[in-house]
Every structure is written in structure tokens, then in C-alpha cells.
Amino acid sequence: MNITITGGTGFIGRKLEERLSADAHKVIVLSRSRGMRWEPMKEEPPAESLSSADAIVHLAGESVGQRWTPEAKAAIRESRVQGTRRLIQGLSTLSRRPAVLVSGSAIGIYGDRGDETLTESSTPGSGFLPELCTAWEREADLAEALGIRVVKLRTGIVLGKGGGALEKMLPPFKAFVGGRLGSGRQWMSWIHIDDLVGLIRFAIDQPLSGPVNGTAPNPVTNAQFTRELASALGRPAIFPAPALALKTLMGEMAGVLLESQKVLPKAALNAGYRFRFPELGPALRDVLGG
């Protein structure tokens, strides 16, 4: 199968490319630095990167993991909304189009929801990330009019070696000063990188469409997460980070860490996807080599 990955140099894109190439798929990477060059906010992708594709996996976008200045928020939004729009425009010019588009999104679409159990049928929340994700998904939906099956993958906190959220969480725990964030009662919806890659491949091969939550079936509270992480590292988890300190340090972006999202992957489970790492403890031990 010929598969084109946008944002293929990112944490998820690299792992996906490795797995697809190992399974003898032909992979084209679109990025600003490697493979075929694409500037998502300036131009449509090169036609040759799309014309032979059987599937597109669209992961390109400015990192959310930074301080949200007005300039950063504009770049985060435009890279996703305008980038997806230009991708669809490029696909619309083809005489032969891919069968499926797996377009990145995020569980940030649900906003801060406390203890509410969230599935793909739950309504979007309010605020920067929910509004961003809603606009992002709306652009991806335009591919349906081109006869392309669209899967909107709403990814949670991705756990894996060499990148992602976990890499930023590890230093304080390794230095024996890790602990819960804020109250610790907020829900964290996570997924092992192997399952996220597996779910992308599953979405390409199976007749899934619409939103699909890219999270493991057992979300945990932040307090539970920090206890499991500390245990996997053989470290204590006794130094909480107060919400005010996080907001002072990180600004508005601290909301990503403090908001509560208890998300279940109902669409994936109903379609028959079997998670390799449904529980947090084994997932962390696998990632950390314990």
C-alpha cells in the first residue's frame, strides 16, 4: 500500500513511518525538513506526494506544547486549519484519490469536563483547544465530498520513548521531586504509542469513519498517573505542583495539564480494535524499560 504521512518527522509520524516501512508499505513523508518538502501554511502539498497514495495520514501542525502567546496560538491554529484546507485542495485536483484520510485531532475538543465520561458522541467544549479542534475537523470533513473516507483521530496523551508528553514529565521524577499536578483529581486520557500506531493502521484498513478517540480504555486521574509513573521509575511522588505555580510558569497552556477529560475509545472498541496496553502500569513499564 502507498501511504503518505504529513508531519512525518514528529514523534507520532516517525513511529508510524517505521512501522509501516517494516511491513513493506511504501511511505512518502511530507514535512518542512525531510522527505518531500511542504509548507502547510503557504501551499498545497506537491501533487506527486498525493497522486499515488492509497491512504493519507495527516499529522502536520505546530506543537501545542509551548507557552501560548498570541503569536503561538495563531500559529497552532493556522498550521492545522489552513494546513488541512490546503491538503484537501490538493486532493481535489487529483483524478485518482486515496480511499481514506486519517486526519489528526485531539481530545482537547471536549474541553474541561470533570468526571463526565466522554465518547465520540459527546459535544465539544469551549475555549481555545475545543474551538481549534472543531475547526480543524471541519476542514478534514470536506474530503468526504471528494469520495474519501475520513477518520478524525482524537489523540490523548501519547506515551512512548524518545518524545511526546512523557519525555517532559520525566525529569522532575528522576530528580526525586515529582508529584501530582494541581488537585490531582483531573482525569488523564492516555495511549501507548504502539496502540496509537496500531489504531491508525486499523483505521486505514477497517471501514471506520468520523471521530475516533485515540485513547486507551482505562483513563486515570492525575494522582493515579503520577503514582504509577513514580512506581515505574522507583521514585517517590510527594512534591505536588500547585495549579497557581503551573499557570505562572506556563500561562494559558497550563490548562492542558489541569483540565479533566475522561475519554473512552468507544468507536475503536466497537469496531474490534484490541489494545496491547489497556492498563497504565504495564504501558509505563514497557516505555521505561522496567
C-alpha atoms as a PDB file:
ATOM      1  CA  MET A   1       0.000   0.000   0.000  1.00  0.00           C
ATOM      2  CA  ASN A   2       1.178   3.548  -0.733  1.00  0.00           C
ATOM      3  CA  ILE A   3       0.742   5.792   2.312  1.00  0.00           C
ATOM      4  CA  THR A   4       1.572   9.490   2.607  1.00  0.00           C
ATOM      5  CA  ILE A   5       2.243  10.931   6.076  1.00  0.00           C
ATOM      6  CA  THR A   6       2.175  14.668   6.659  1.00  0.00           C
ATOM      7  CA  GLY A   7       4.132  15.776   9.708  1.00  0.00           C
ATOM      8  CA  GLY A   8       6.137  12.598   9.365  1.00  0.00           C
ATOM      9  CA  THR A   9       9.123  13.957  11.307  1.00  0.00           C
ATOM     10  CA  GLY A  10       7.142  14.400  14.529  1.00  0.00           C
ATOM     11  CA  PHE A  11       7.037  11.933  17.411  1.00  0.00           C
ATOM     12  CA  ILE A  12       3.979  10.050  16.151  1.00  0.00           C
ATOM     13  CA  GLY A  13       4.894  10.365  12.476  1.00  0.00           C
ATOM     14  CA  ARG A  14       8.349   8.848  12.973  1.00  0.00           C
ATOM     15  CA  LYS A  15       6.960   5.821  14.801  1.00  0.00           C
ATOM     16  CA  LEU A  16       4.241   5.340  12.209  1.00  0.00           C
ATOM     17  CA  GLU A  17       6.705   5.537   9.330  1.00  0.00           C
ATOM     18  CA  GLU A  18       8.974   2.957  10.991  1.00  0.00           C
ATOM     19  CA  ARG A  19       6.098   0.509  11.478  1.00  0.00           C
ATOM     20  CA  LEU A  20       4.641   0.935   8.008  1.00  0.00           C
ATOM     21  CA  SER A  21       8.040   0.607   6.321  1.00  0.00           C
ATOM     22  CA  ALA A  22       8.794  -2.516   8.365  1.00  0.00           C
ATOM     23  CA  ASP A  23       5.566  -4.013   6.999  1.00  0.00           C
ATOM     24  CA  ALA A  24       6.689  -3.286   3.420  1.00  0.00           C
ATOM     25  CA  HIS A  25       4.341  -0.393   2.751  1.00  0.00           C
ATOM     26  CA  LYS A  26       5.677   2.398   0.562  1.00  0.00           C
ATOM     27  CA  VAL A  27       5.738   5.580   2.654  1.00  0.00           C
ATOM     28  CA  ILE A  28       6.064   9.180   1.489  1.00  0.00           C
ATOM     29  CA  VAL A  29       6.832  11.702   4.221  1.00  0.00           C
ATOM     30  CA  LEU A  30       5.729  15.319   3.852  1.00  0.00           C
ATOM     31  CA  SER A  31       7.397  17.806   6.183  1.00  0.00           C
ATOM     32  CA  ARG A  32       9.294  21.079   6.298  1.00  0.00           C
ATOM     33  CA  SER A  33      12.625  19.341   6.889  1.00  0.00           C
ATOM     34  CA  ARG A  34      12.694  15.788   5.467  1.00  0.00           C
ATOM     35  CA  GLY A  35      11.135  13.746   2.685  1.00  0.00           C
ATOM     36  CA  MET A  36       9.083  15.843   0.291  1.00  0.00           C
ATOM     37  CA  ARG A  37       9.052  19.456   1.400  1.00  0.00           C
ATOM     38  CA  TRP A  38       5.701  21.029   2.300  1.00  0.00           C
ATOM     39  CA  GLU A  39       4.925  24.346   3.970  1.00  0.00           C
ATOM     40  CA  PRO A  40       1.328  23.746   5.153  1.00  0.00           C
ATOM     41  CA  MET A  41       0.523  27.416   5.766  1.00  0.00           C
ATOM     42  CA  LYS A  42       1.796  28.531   2.365  1.00  0.00           C
ATOM     43  CA  GLU A  43       0.960  25.950  -0.280  1.00  0.00           C
ATOM     44  CA  GLU A  44      -0.777  22.752  -1.315  1.00  0.00           C
ATOM     45  CA  PRO A  45       1.286  19.556  -0.999  1.00  0.00           C
ATOM     46  CA  PRO A  46       3.284  18.511  -4.084  1.00  0.00           C
ATOM     47  CA  ALA A  47       0.940  16.642  -6.415  1.00  0.00           C
ATOM     48  CA  GLU A  48       3.375  13.729  -6.691  1.00  0.00           C
ATOM     49  CA  SER A  49       3.128  13.153  -2.943  1.00  0.00           C
ATOM     50  CA  LEU A  50      -0.623  12.507  -3.223  1.00  0.00           C
ATOM     51  CA  SER A  51      -1.286  11.112  -6.693  1.00  0.00           C
ATOM     52  CA  SER A  52      -0.284   7.501  -5.970  1.00  0.00           C
ATOM     53  CA  ALA A  53      -1.420   7.394  -2.333  1.00  0.00           C
ATOM     54  CA  ASP A  54      -3.902   4.782  -1.201  1.00  0.00           C
ATOM     55  CA  ALA A  55      -4.169   6.474   2.203  1.00  0.00           C
ATOM     56  CA  ILE A  56      -3.181   9.810   3.740  1.00  0.00           C
ATOM     57  CA  VAL A  57      -2.294  10.217   7.419  1.00  0.00           C
ATOM     58  CA  HIS A  58      -2.374  13.920   8.235  1.00  0.00           C
ATOM     59  CA  LEU A  59      -0.371  14.773  11.376  1.00  0.00           C
ATOM     60  CA  ALA A  60       1.218  18.106  10.447  1.00  0.00           C
ATOM     61  CA  GLY A  61       0.818  21.009  12.864  1.00  0.00           C
ATOM     62  CA  GLU A  62       2.654  23.425  15.136  1.00  0.00           C
ATOM     63  CA  SER A  63       3.383  21.967  18.598  1.00  0.00           C
ATOM     64  CA  VAL A  64       0.774  22.690  21.286  1.00  0.00           C
ATOM     65  CA  GLY A  65       3.415  22.107  23.994  1.00  0.00           C
ATOM     66  CA  GLN A  66       4.651  25.690  24.254  1.00  0.00           C
ATOM     67  CA  ARG A  67       3.659  28.882  26.037  1.00  0.00           C
ATOM     68  CA  TRP A  68       0.516  30.179  24.348  1.00  0.00           C
ATOM     69  CA  THR A  69       1.420  33.686  23.332  1.00  0.00           C
ATOM     70  CA  PRO A  70      -0.994  35.303  20.850  1.00  0.00           C
ATOM     71  CA  GLU A  71       1.530  34.557  18.109  1.00  0.00           C
ATOM     72  CA  ALA A  72       1.900  30.916  19.172  1.00  0.00           C
ATOM     73  CA  LYS A  73      -1.871  30.396  19.321  1.00  0.00           C
ATOM     74  CA  ALA A  74      -2.256  31.841  15.831  1.00  0.00           C
ATOM     75  CA  ALA A  75       0.478  29.521  14.504  1.00  0.00           C
ATOM     76  CA  ILE A  76      -1.038  26.492  16.261  1.00  0.00           C
ATOM     77  CA  ARG A  77      -4.455  27.210  14.792  1.00  0.00           C
ATOM     78  CA  GLU A  78      -3.406  28.185  11.292  1.00  0.00           C
ATOM     79  CA  SER A  79      -0.989  25.285  10.856  1.00  0.00           C
ATOM     80  CA  ARG A  80      -3.876  22.892  11.467  1.00  0.00           C
ATOM     81  CA  VAL A  81      -6.833  24.676   9.924  1.00  0.00           C
ATOM     82  CA  GLN A  82      -5.090  26.217   6.911  1.00  0.00           C
ATOM     83  CA  GLY A  83      -2.788  23.206   6.530  1.00  0.00           C
ATOM     84  CA  THR A  84      -5.741  20.807   6.375  1.00  0.00           C
ATOM     85  CA  ARG A  85      -7.563  23.127   3.966  1.00  0.00           C
ATOM     86  CA  ARG A  86      -4.588  23.166   1.618  1.00  0.00           C
ATOM     87  CA  LEU A  87      -4.278  19.382   1.829  1.00  0.00           C
ATOM     88  CA  ILE A  88      -7.930  18.962   0.816  1.00  0.00           C
ATOM     89  CA  GLN A  89      -7.466  21.472  -2.002  1.00  0.00           C
ATOM     90  CA  GLY A  90      -4.532  19.403  -3.245  1.00  0.00           C
ATOM     91  CA  LEU A  91      -6.595  16.215  -3.095  1.00  0.00           C
ATOM     92  CA  SER A  92      -9.446  17.869  -5.010  1.00  0.00           C
ATOM     93  CA  THR A  93      -7.235  18.329  -8.090  1.00  0.00           C
ATOM     94  CA  LEU A  94      -6.420  14.611  -8.420  1.00  0.00           C
ATOM     95  CA  SER A  95      -8.055  12.288 -10.896  1.00  0.00           C
ATOM     96  CA  ARG A  96      -7.143   9.346  -8.644  1.00  0.00           C
ATOM     97  CA  ARG A  97      -7.771   9.977  -4.955  1.00  0.00           C
ATOM     98  CA  PRO A  98      -6.853   7.989  -1.847  1.00  0.00           C
ATOM     99  CA  ALA A  99      -9.504   5.786  -0.303  1.00  0.00           C
ATOM    100  CA  VAL A 100      -9.041   7.146   3.214  1.00  0.00           C
ATOM    101  CA  LEU A 101      -7.796  10.207   5.084  1.00  0.00           C
ATOM    102  CA  VAL A 102      -6.838   9.704   8.741  1.00  0.00           C
ATOM    103  CA  SER A 103      -6.678  13.268   9.995  1.00  0.00           C
ATOM    104  CA  GLY A 104      -5.181  14.191  13.334  1.00  0.00           C
ATOM    105  CA  SER A 105      -7.299  15.830  16.006  1.00  0.00           C
ATOM    106  CA  ALA A 106      -7.164  15.792  19.813  1.00  0.00           C
ATOM    107  CA  ILE A 107      -9.285  15.031  22.859  1.00  0.00           C
ATOM    108  CA  GLY A 108      -8.831  18.713  23.605  1.00  0.00           C
ATOM    109  CA  ILE A 109     -12.043  19.077  21.603  1.00  0.00           C
ATOM    110  CA  TYR A 110     -14.009  18.048  24.710  1.00  0.00           C
ATOM    111  CA  GLY A 111     -12.643  20.782  26.988  1.00  0.00           C
ATOM    112  CA  ASP A 112     -12.633  20.581  30.797  1.00  0.00           C
ATOM    113  CA  ARG A 113     -15.407  18.089  31.696  1.00  0.00           C
ATOM    114  CA  GLY A 114     -14.751  16.964  35.284  1.00  0.00           C
ATOM    115  CA  ASP A 115     -15.881  13.389  35.934  1.00  0.00           C
ATOM    116  CA  GLU A 116     -18.114  13.142  32.835  1.00  0.00           C
ATOM    117  CA  THR A 117     -17.436  10.064  30.711  1.00  0.00           C
ATOM    118  CA  LEU A 118     -16.712  11.200  27.157  1.00  0.00           C
ATOM    119  CA  THR A 119     -17.134   9.248  23.922  1.00  0.00           C
ATOM    120  CA  GLU A 120     -17.089  10.243  20.266  1.00  0.00           C
ATOM    121  CA  SER A 121     -20.735  11.339  20.525  1.00  0.00           C
ATOM    122  CA  SER A 122     -20.005  13.850  23.310  1.00  0.00           C
ATOM    123  CA  THR A 123     -20.371  17.514  22.389  1.00  0.00           C
ATOM    124  CA  PRO A 124     -17.319  19.788  22.025  1.00  0.00           C
ATOM    125  CA  GLY A 125     -16.354  22.031  24.921  1.00  0.00           C
ATOM    126  CA  SER A 126     -15.493  25.722  24.843  1.00  0.00           C
ATOM    127  CA  GLY A 127     -12.174  27.541  24.793  1.00  0.00           C
ATOM    128  CA  PHE A 128      -9.117  27.657  22.575  1.00  0.00           C
ATOM    129  CA  LEU A 129      -8.467  23.931  22.088  1.00  0.00           C
ATOM    130  CA  PRO A 130     -12.104  22.847  21.595  1.00  0.00           C
ATOM    131  CA  GLU A 131     -12.645  25.620  19.069  1.00  0.00           C
ATOM    132  CA  LEU A 132      -9.355  24.795  17.322  1.00  0.00           C
ATOM    133  CA  CYS A 133     -10.155  21.084  17.081  1.00  0.00           C
ATOM    134  CA  THR A 134     -13.689  21.756  15.838  1.00  0.00           C
ATOM    135  CA  ALA A 135     -12.389  23.996  13.047  1.00  0.00           C
ATOM    136  CA  TRP A 136      -9.605  21.501  12.259  1.00  0.00           C
ATOM    137  CA  GLU A 137     -12.061  18.600  11.941  1.00  0.00           C
ATOM    138  CA  ARG A 138     -14.443  20.693   9.847  1.00  0.00           C
ATOM    139  CA  GLU A 139     -11.738  21.157   7.242  1.00  0.00           C
ATOM    140  CA  ALA A 140     -10.969  17.421   7.180  1.00  0.00           C
ATOM    141  CA  ASP A 141     -14.661  16.638   6.657  1.00  0.00           C
ATOM    142  CA  LEU A 142     -14.523  18.404   3.291  1.00  0.00           C
ATOM    143  CA  ALA A 143     -12.655  15.374   1.910  1.00  0.00           C
ATOM    144  CA  GLU A 144     -15.885  13.358   2.141  1.00  0.00           C
ATOM    145  CA  ALA A 145     -17.285  15.348  -0.789  1.00  0.00           C
ATOM    146  CA  LEU A 146     -14.320  14.035  -2.821  1.00  0.00           C
ATOM    147  CA  GLY A 147     -15.330  10.428  -2.159  1.00  0.00           C
ATOM    148  CA  ILE A 148     -12.666   9.918   0.532  1.00  0.00           C
ATOM    149  CA  ARG A 149     -13.457   8.131   3.792  1.00  0.00           C
ATOM    150  CA  VAL A 150     -12.483  10.445   6.661  1.00  0.00           C
ATOM    151  CA  VAL A 151     -11.327   9.333  10.116  1.00  0.00           C
ATOM    152  CA  LYS A 152     -10.726  12.102  12.675  1.00  0.00           C
ATOM    153  CA  LEU A 153      -8.323  10.687  15.239  1.00  0.00           C
ATOM    154  CA  ARG A 154      -8.750  12.462  18.584  1.00  0.00           C
ATOM    155  CA  THR A 155      -5.477  11.670  20.295  1.00  0.00           C
ATOM    156  CA  GLY A 156      -4.880  11.745  24.047  1.00  0.00           C
ATOM    157  CA  ILE A 157      -1.576  11.841  25.953  1.00  0.00           C
ATOM    158  CA  VAL A 158       0.820   9.647  23.978  1.00  0.00           C
ATOM    159  CA  LEU A 159       3.307   7.536  25.964  1.00  0.00           C
ATOM    160  CA  GLY A 160       6.443   6.403  24.176  1.00  0.00           C
ATOM    161  CA  LYS A 161      10.223   6.511  24.120  1.00  0.00           C
ATOM    162  CA  GLY A 162      12.013   9.497  22.660  1.00  0.00           C
ATOM    163  CA  GLY A 163       9.365  12.172  22.665  1.00  0.00           C
ATOM    164  CA  GLY A 164       5.820  13.166  23.456  1.00  0.00           C
ATOM    165  CA  ALA A 165       4.394  14.288  26.765  1.00  0.00           C
ATOM    166  CA  LEU A 166       6.180  11.662  28.846  1.00  0.00           C
ATOM    167  CA  GLU A 167       9.609  12.995  27.953  1.00  0.00           C
ATOM    168  CA  LYS A 168       8.658  16.321  29.532  1.00  0.00           C
ATOM    169  CA  MET A 169       7.231  14.649  32.646  1.00  0.00           C
ATOM    170  CA  LEU A 170      10.267  12.509  33.451  1.00  0.00           C
ATOM    171  CA  PRO A 171      12.948  14.996  34.632  1.00  0.00           C
ATOM    172  CA  PRO A 172      11.300  16.015  37.946  1.00  0.00           C
ATOM    173  CA  PHE A 173      10.507  12.398  38.806  1.00  0.00           C
ATOM    174  CA  LYS A 174      14.051  11.282  38.018  1.00  0.00           C
ATOM    175  CA  ALA A 175      15.258  14.126  40.271  1.00  0.00           C
ATOM    176  CA  PHE A 176      13.013  12.843  43.125  1.00  0.00           C
ATOM    177  CA  VAL A 177      10.772  15.945  43.032  1.00  0.00           C
ATOM    178  CA  GLY A 178       7.809  14.650  41.002  1.00  0.00           C
ATOM    179  CA  GLY A 179       4.204  14.713  42.109  1.00  0.00           C
ATOM    180  CA  ARG A 180       0.616  15.365  41.139  1.00  0.00           C
ATOM    181  CA  LEU A 181      -0.389  18.474  39.193  1.00  0.00           C
ATOM    182  CA  GLY A 182      -2.873  20.756  40.904  1.00  0.00           C
ATOM    183  CA  SER A 183      -5.517  18.814  42.808  1.00  0.00           C
ATOM    184  CA  GLY A 184      -4.614  15.545  41.071  1.00  0.00           C
ATOM    185  CA  ARG A 185      -8.317  14.809  40.626  1.00  0.00           C
ATOM    186  CA  GLN A 186      -8.393  15.711  36.931  1.00  0.00           C
ATOM    187  CA  TRP A 187      -8.731  12.781  34.529  1.00  0.00           C
ATOM    188  CA  MET A 188      -5.910  11.971  32.111  1.00  0.00           C
ATOM    189  CA  SER A 189      -6.684  10.001  28.961  1.00  0.00           C
ATOM    190  CA  TRP A 190      -3.527   8.383  27.616  1.00  0.00           C
ATOM    191  CA  ILE A 191      -2.415   5.870  24.972  1.00  0.00           C
ATOM    192  CA  HIS A 192       0.762   3.868  24.365  1.00  0.00           C
ATOM    193  CA  ILE A 193       2.476   4.876  21.109  1.00  0.00           C
ATOM    194  CA  ASP A 194       2.248   1.277  19.846  1.00  0.00           C
ATOM    195  CA  ASP A 195      -1.528   1.358  20.238  1.00  0.00           C
ATOM    196  CA  LEU A 196      -1.822   4.755  18.568  1.00  0.00           C
ATOM    197  CA  VAL A 197       0.178   3.486  15.579  1.00  0.00           C
ATOM    198  CA  GLY A 198      -1.885   0.305  15.628  1.00  0.00           C
ATOM    199  CA  LEU A 199      -5.098   2.311  15.716  1.00  0.00           C
ATOM    200  CA  ILE A 200      -4.010   4.413  12.731  1.00  0.00           C
ATOM    201  CA  ARG A 201      -3.299   1.261  10.754  1.00  0.00           C
ATOM    202  CA  PHE A 202      -6.624  -0.205  11.898  1.00  0.00           C
ATOM    203  CA  ALA A 203      -8.423   2.954  10.743  1.00  0.00           C
ATOM    204  CA  ILE A 204      -6.782   2.668   7.318  1.00  0.00           C
ATOM    205  CA  ASP A 205      -7.787  -0.971   6.881  1.00  0.00           C
ATOM    206  CA  GLN A 206     -11.226  -1.054   8.517  1.00  0.00           C
ATOM    207  CA  PRO A 207     -14.423   0.781   7.490  1.00  0.00           C
ATOM    208  CA  LEU A 208     -14.191   3.307  10.323  1.00  0.00           C
ATOM    209  CA  SER A 209     -15.264   6.890   9.687  1.00  0.00           C
ATOM    210  CA  GLY A 210     -15.903  10.037  11.674  1.00  0.00           C
ATOM    211  CA  PRO A 211     -14.344  10.774  15.072  1.00  0.00           C
ATOM    212  CA  VAL A 212     -12.272   8.055  16.742  1.00  0.00           C
ATOM    213  CA  ASN A 213     -10.831   8.608  20.215  1.00  0.00           C
ATOM    214  CA  GLY A 214      -7.139   7.687  20.261  1.00  0.00           C
ATOM    215  CA  THR A 215      -7.015   6.806  23.949  1.00  0.00           C
ATOM    216  CA  ALA A 216      -6.658   3.629  25.997  1.00  0.00           C
ATOM    217  CA  PRO A 217      -9.859   2.214  27.507  1.00  0.00           C
ATOM    218  CA  ASN A 218      -8.782   2.939  31.101  1.00  0.00           C
ATOM    219  CA  PRO A 219      -8.209   6.651  31.808  1.00  0.00           C
ATOM    220  CA  VAL A 220      -6.791   7.571  35.213  1.00  0.00           C
ATOM    221  CA  THR A 221      -6.718  10.605  37.463  1.00  0.00           C
ATOM    222  CA  ASN A 222      -3.559  12.688  37.538  1.00  0.00           C
ATOM    223  CA  ALA A 223      -2.866  11.443  41.064  1.00  0.00           C
ATOM    224  CA  GLN A 224      -3.100   7.832  39.848  1.00  0.00           C
ATOM    225  CA  PHE A 225      -0.905   8.630  36.852  1.00  0.00           C
ATOM    226  CA  THR A 226       1.843  10.171  38.978  1.00  0.00           C
ATOM    227  CA  ARG A 227       1.780   7.231  41.402  1.00  0.00           C
ATOM    228  CA  GLU A 228       2.147   4.755  38.521  1.00  0.00           C
ATOM    229  CA  LEU A 229       4.905   6.810  36.920  1.00  0.00           C
ATOM    230  CA  ALA A 230       6.798   7.110  40.191  1.00  0.00           C
ATOM    231  CA  SER A 231       6.437   3.375  40.781  1.00  0.00           C
ATOM    232  CA  ALA A 232       7.722   2.535  37.301  1.00  0.00           C
ATOM    233  CA  LEU A 233      10.773   4.739  37.939  1.00  0.00           C
ATOM    234  CA  GLY A 234      11.307   3.596  41.530  1.00  0.00           C
ATOM    235  CA  ARG A 235      10.870   7.178  42.731  1.00  0.00           C
ATOM    236  CA  PRO A 236       8.573   8.927  45.210  1.00  0.00           C
ATOM    237  CA  ALA A 237       5.671  11.141  44.106  1.00  0.00           C
ATOM    238  CA  ILE A 238       5.446  13.541  47.036  1.00  0.00           C
ATOM    239  CA  PHE A 239       6.028  17.028  45.608  1.00  0.00           C
ATOM    240  CA  PRO A 240       2.772  18.361  44.127  1.00  0.00           C
ATOM    241  CA  ALA A 241       2.891  21.210  41.635  1.00  0.00           C
ATOM    242  CA  PRO A 242       0.250  23.778  42.683  1.00  0.00           C
ATOM    243  CA  ALA A 243      -2.128  24.956  39.971  1.00  0.00           C
ATOM    244  CA  LEU A 244      -1.127  28.601  40.533  1.00  0.00           C
ATOM    245  CA  ALA A 245       2.553  27.772  40.043  1.00  0.00           C
ATOM    246  CA  LEU A 246       1.811  25.930  36.799  1.00  0.00           C
ATOM    247  CA  LYS A 247      -0.252  28.839  35.484  1.00  0.00           C
ATOM    248  CA  THR A 248       2.511  31.273  36.406  1.00  0.00           C
ATOM    249  CA  LEU A 249       5.133  29.118  34.684  1.00  0.00           C
ATOM    250  CA  MET A 250       3.187  28.054  31.601  1.00  0.00           C
ATOM    251  CA  GLY A 251       0.415  30.597  31.212  1.00  0.00           C
ATOM    252  CA  GLU A 252      -2.796  29.542  29.466  1.00  0.00           C
ATOM    253  CA  MET A 253      -1.192  26.325  28.224  1.00  0.00           C
ATOM    254  CA  ALA A 254      -1.246  25.032  31.840  1.00  0.00           C
ATOM    255  CA  GLY A 255      -4.920  24.290  31.248  1.00  0.00           C
ATOM    256  CA  VAL A 256      -3.886  21.300  29.140  1.00  0.00           C
ATOM    257  CA  LEU A 257      -2.382  19.756  32.289  1.00  0.00           C
ATOM    258  CA  LEU A 258      -5.076  20.827  34.732  1.00  0.00           C
ATOM    259  CA  GLU A 259      -8.263  20.212  32.741  1.00  0.00           C
ATOM    260  CA  SER A 260     -10.131  16.939  33.193  1.00  0.00           C
ATOM    261  CA  GLN A 261     -11.043  14.635  30.290  1.00  0.00           C
ATOM    262  CA  LYS A 262     -12.248  11.102  30.987  1.00  0.00           C
ATOM    263  CA  VAL A 263     -12.296   9.776  27.426  1.00  0.00           C
ATOM    264  CA  LEU A 264     -13.222   6.267  26.262  1.00  0.00           C
ATOM    265  CA  PRO A 265     -12.338   4.831  22.801  1.00  0.00           C
ATOM    266  CA  LYS A 266     -15.850   3.600  22.097  1.00  0.00           C
ATOM    267  CA  ALA A 267     -15.573   3.698  18.288  1.00  0.00           C
ATOM    268  CA  ALA A 268     -12.319   1.705  18.247  1.00  0.00           C
ATOM    269  CA  LEU A 269     -13.616  -0.910  20.690  1.00  0.00           C
ATOM    270  CA  ASN A 270     -16.919  -1.292  18.844  1.00  0.00           C
ATOM    271  CA  ALA A 271     -15.006  -1.795  15.580  1.00  0.00           C
ATOM    272  CA  GLY A 272     -12.947  -4.587  17.158  1.00  0.00           C
ATOM    273  CA  TYR A 273      -9.606  -2.921  17.873  1.00  0.00           C
ATOM    274  CA  ARG A 274      -7.727  -4.805  20.603  1.00  0.00           C
ATOM    275  CA  PHE A 275      -5.394  -2.690  22.716  1.00  0.00           C
ATOM    276  CA  ARG A 276      -1.951  -4.065  23.501  1.00  0.00           C
ATOM    277  CA  PHE A 277      -1.729  -1.783  26.537  1.00  0.00           C
ATOM    278  CA  PRO A 278      -5.169  -1.164  28.031  1.00  0.00           C
ATOM    279  CA  GLU A 279      -3.751  -0.508  31.542  1.00  0.00           C
ATOM    280  CA  LEU A 280      -1.385   2.307  32.517  1.00  0.00           C
ATOM    281  CA  GLY A 281       1.078   0.386  34.702  1.00  0.00           C
ATOM    282  CA  PRO A 282       2.217  -2.101  32.028  1.00  0.00           C
ATOM    283  CA  ALA A 283       2.286   0.686  29.428  1.00  0.00           C
ATOM    284  CA  LEU A 284       4.638   2.815  31.526  1.00  0.00           C
ATOM    285  CA  ARG A 285       6.844  -0.137  32.398  1.00  0.00           C
ATOM    286  CA  ASP A 286       7.137  -1.023  28.729  1.00  0.00           C
ATOM    287  CA  VAL A 287       8.067   2.542  27.744  1.00  0.00           C
ATOM    288  CA  LEU A 288      10.524   2.970  30.616  1.00  0.00           C
ATOM    289  CA  GLY A 289      12.105  -0.436  30.149  1.00  0.00           C
ATOM    290  CA  GLY A 290      11.070  -1.804  33.539  1.00  0.00           C
END
